[in-house]
Amino acid sequence: MDTPLHERLNKILKIWEKACGSQVTVSEETYQAERISSAADRNYCLGYMMREAKAFPKESNMFEALELYFQSCCIESNVVKYLEF
């Protein structure tokens, strides 16, 4: 894919910010833990199976797609201001 990974992540963050009405971030601590967990092993396995089945476009990079997925799973937002009465 021609669009760099950080630009794709920024696009996702902007969509979430619009939906939440506040700034969102990626929890770096959670992201680093998520990408080396047993759940990551399952996601890599599924990625390899999908790649074998030619489920990805030719120009895609499975590893970048998984990194973007892991980062997207670690988006966090502060909703405290919405709970104030």
C-alpha atoms as a PDB file:
ATOM      1  CA  MET A   1       0.000   0.000   0.000  1.00  0.00           C
ATOM      2  CA  ASP A   2       1.339   3.448  -0.860  1.00  0.00           C
ATOM      3  CA  THR A   3       0.074   5.264   2.236  1.00  0.00           C
ATOM      4  CA  PRO A   4       2.559   5.058   5.130  1.00  0.00           C
ATOM      5  CA  LEU A   5       1.407   3.278   8.262  1.00  0.00           C
ATOM      6  CA  HIS A   6       1.481   6.425  10.435  1.00  0.00           C
ATOM      7  CA  GLU A   7      -0.787   8.259   7.978  1.00  0.00           C
ATOM      8  CA  ARG A   8      -3.297   5.415   8.011  1.00  0.00           C
ATOM      9  CA  LEU A   9      -3.273   5.426  11.815  1.00  0.00           C
ATOM     10  CA  ASN A  10      -3.775   9.215  11.874  1.00  0.00           C
ATOM     11  CA  LYS A  11      -6.804   8.824   9.601  1.00  0.00           C
ATOM     12  CA  ILE A  12      -8.307   6.254  11.973  1.00  0.00           C
ATOM     13  CA  LEU A  13      -7.611   8.510  14.978  1.00  0.00           C
ATOM     14  CA  LYS A  14      -9.326  11.461  13.289  1.00  0.00           C
ATOM     15  CA  ILE A  15     -12.416   9.347  12.638  1.00  0.00           C
ATOM     16  CA  TRP A  16     -12.505   8.278  16.294  1.00  0.00           C
ATOM     17  CA  GLU A  17     -11.963  11.870  17.452  1.00  0.00           C
ATOM     18  CA  LYS A  18     -14.910  12.992  15.350  1.00  0.00           C
ATOM     19  CA  ALA A  19     -17.070  10.189  16.746  1.00  0.00           C
ATOM     20  CA  CYS A  20     -16.013  10.813  20.363  1.00  0.00           C
ATOM     21  CA  GLY A  21     -15.934  14.589  20.223  1.00  0.00           C
ATOM     22  CA  SER A  22     -12.570  14.625  21.970  1.00  0.00           C
ATOM     23  CA  GLN A  23      -8.940  13.785  21.354  1.00  0.00           C
ATOM     24  CA  VAL A  24      -8.000  10.113  21.283  1.00  0.00           C
ATOM     25  CA  THR A  25      -4.575   8.522  21.570  1.00  0.00           C
ATOM     26  CA  VAL A  26      -2.943   5.137  21.194  1.00  0.00           C
ATOM     27  CA  SER A  27      -1.821   3.660  24.489  1.00  0.00           C
ATOM     28  CA  GLU A  28       1.793   2.780  23.732  1.00  0.00           C
ATOM     29  CA  GLU A  29       2.008   0.513  26.785  1.00  0.00           C
ATOM     30  CA  THR A  30      -1.083  -1.455  25.771  1.00  0.00           C
ATOM     31  CA  TYR A  31       0.051  -1.571  22.130  1.00  0.00           C
ATOM     32  CA  GLN A  32       3.454  -3.008  23.037  1.00  0.00           C
ATOM     33  CA  ALA A  33       1.840  -5.616  25.291  1.00  0.00           C
ATOM     34  CA  GLU A  34      -0.820  -6.491  22.714  1.00  0.00           C
ATOM     35  CA  ARG A  35       1.616  -7.096  19.867  1.00  0.00           C
ATOM     36  CA  ILE A  36       3.571  -9.740  21.810  1.00  0.00           C
ATOM     37  CA  SER A  37       0.663 -11.461  23.568  1.00  0.00           C
ATOM     38  CA  SER A  38      -0.818 -14.865  22.836  1.00  0.00           C
ATOM     39  CA  ALA A  39      -3.662 -13.014  21.104  1.00  0.00           C
ATOM     40  CA  ALA A  40      -1.054 -11.584  18.712  1.00  0.00           C
ATOM     41  CA  ASP A  41       0.050 -15.136  17.923  1.00  0.00           C
ATOM     42  CA  ARG A  42      -3.509 -15.982  16.888  1.00  0.00           C
ATOM     43  CA  ASN A  43      -3.748 -12.827  14.787  1.00  0.00           C
ATOM     44  CA  TYR A  44      -0.462 -13.642  13.025  1.00  0.00           C
ATOM     45  CA  CYS A  45      -1.729 -17.187  12.418  1.00  0.00           C
ATOM     46  CA  LEU A  46      -4.950 -15.840  10.924  1.00  0.00           C
ATOM     47  CA  GLY A  47      -2.917 -13.404   8.832  1.00  0.00           C
ATOM     48  CA  TYR A  48      -0.783 -16.215   7.438  1.00  0.00           C
ATOM     49  CA  MET A  49      -3.882 -18.277   6.674  1.00  0.00           C
ATOM     50  CA  MET A  50      -5.502 -15.309   4.931  1.00  0.00           C
ATOM     51  CA  ARG A  51      -2.326 -14.641   2.965  1.00  0.00           C
ATOM     52  CA  GLU A  52      -2.197 -18.293   1.889  1.00  0.00           C
ATOM     53  CA  ALA A  53      -5.817 -18.027   0.740  1.00  0.00           C
ATOM     54  CA  LYS A  54      -4.888 -14.848  -1.184  1.00  0.00           C
ATOM     55  CA  ALA A  55      -7.347 -12.797   0.876  1.00  0.00           C
ATOM     56  CA  PHE A  56      -5.104  -9.713   0.793  1.00  0.00           C
ATOM     57  CA  PRO A  57      -4.581  -7.470  -2.218  1.00  0.00           C
ATOM     58  CA  LYS A  58      -1.225  -8.181  -3.891  1.00  0.00           C
ATOM     59  CA  GLU A  59       0.280  -4.833  -2.908  1.00  0.00           C
ATOM     60  CA  SER A  60      -0.651  -5.145   0.788  1.00  0.00           C
ATOM     61  CA  ASN A  61       1.762  -5.964   3.583  1.00  0.00           C
ATOM     62  CA  MET A  62       0.334  -8.371   6.131  1.00  0.00           C
ATOM     63  CA  PHE A  63       2.742  -7.238   8.855  1.00  0.00           C
ATOM     64  CA  GLU A  64       1.822  -3.571   8.400  1.00  0.00           C
ATOM     65  CA  ALA A  65      -1.853  -4.489   8.423  1.00  0.00           C
ATOM     66  CA  LEU A  66      -1.403  -6.325  11.722  1.00  0.00           C
ATOM     67  CA  GLU A  67       0.568  -3.435  13.236  1.00  0.00           C
ATOM     68  CA  LEU A  68      -2.242  -1.054  12.280  1.00  0.00           C
ATOM     69  CA  TYR A  69      -4.763  -3.481  13.769  1.00  0.00           C
ATOM     70  CA  PHE A  70      -2.820  -3.731  17.048  1.00  0.00           C
ATOM     71  CA  GLN A  71      -2.533   0.059  17.268  1.00  0.00           C
ATOM     72  CA  SER A  72      -6.228   0.502  16.465  1.00  0.00           C
ATOM     73  CA  CYS A  73      -7.145  -1.891  19.258  1.00  0.00           C
ATOM     74  CA  CYS A  74      -5.295   0.332  21.738  1.00  0.00           C
ATOM     75  CA  ILE A  75      -7.081   3.605  21.052  1.00  0.00           C
ATOM     76  CA  GLU A  76      -8.139   5.323  24.250  1.00  0.00           C
ATOM     77  CA  SER A  77     -10.283   8.333  25.001  1.00  0.00           C
ATOM     78  CA  ASN A  78     -11.087  10.288  28.127  1.00  0.00           C
ATOM     79  CA  VAL A  79     -14.833  10.469  28.669  1.00  0.00           C
ATOM     80  CA  VAL A  80     -14.805  11.943  32.173  1.00  0.00           C
ATOM     81  CA  LYS A  81     -15.979  15.387  31.002  1.00  0.00           C
ATOM     82  CA  TYR A  82     -19.101  13.778  29.566  1.00  0.00           C
ATOM     83  CA  LEU A  83     -20.023  12.279  32.912  1.00  0.00           C
ATOM     84  CA  GLU A  84     -20.027  15.560  34.826  1.00  0.00           C
ATOM     85  CA  PHE A  85     -23.453  16.784  35.864  1.00  0.00           C
END
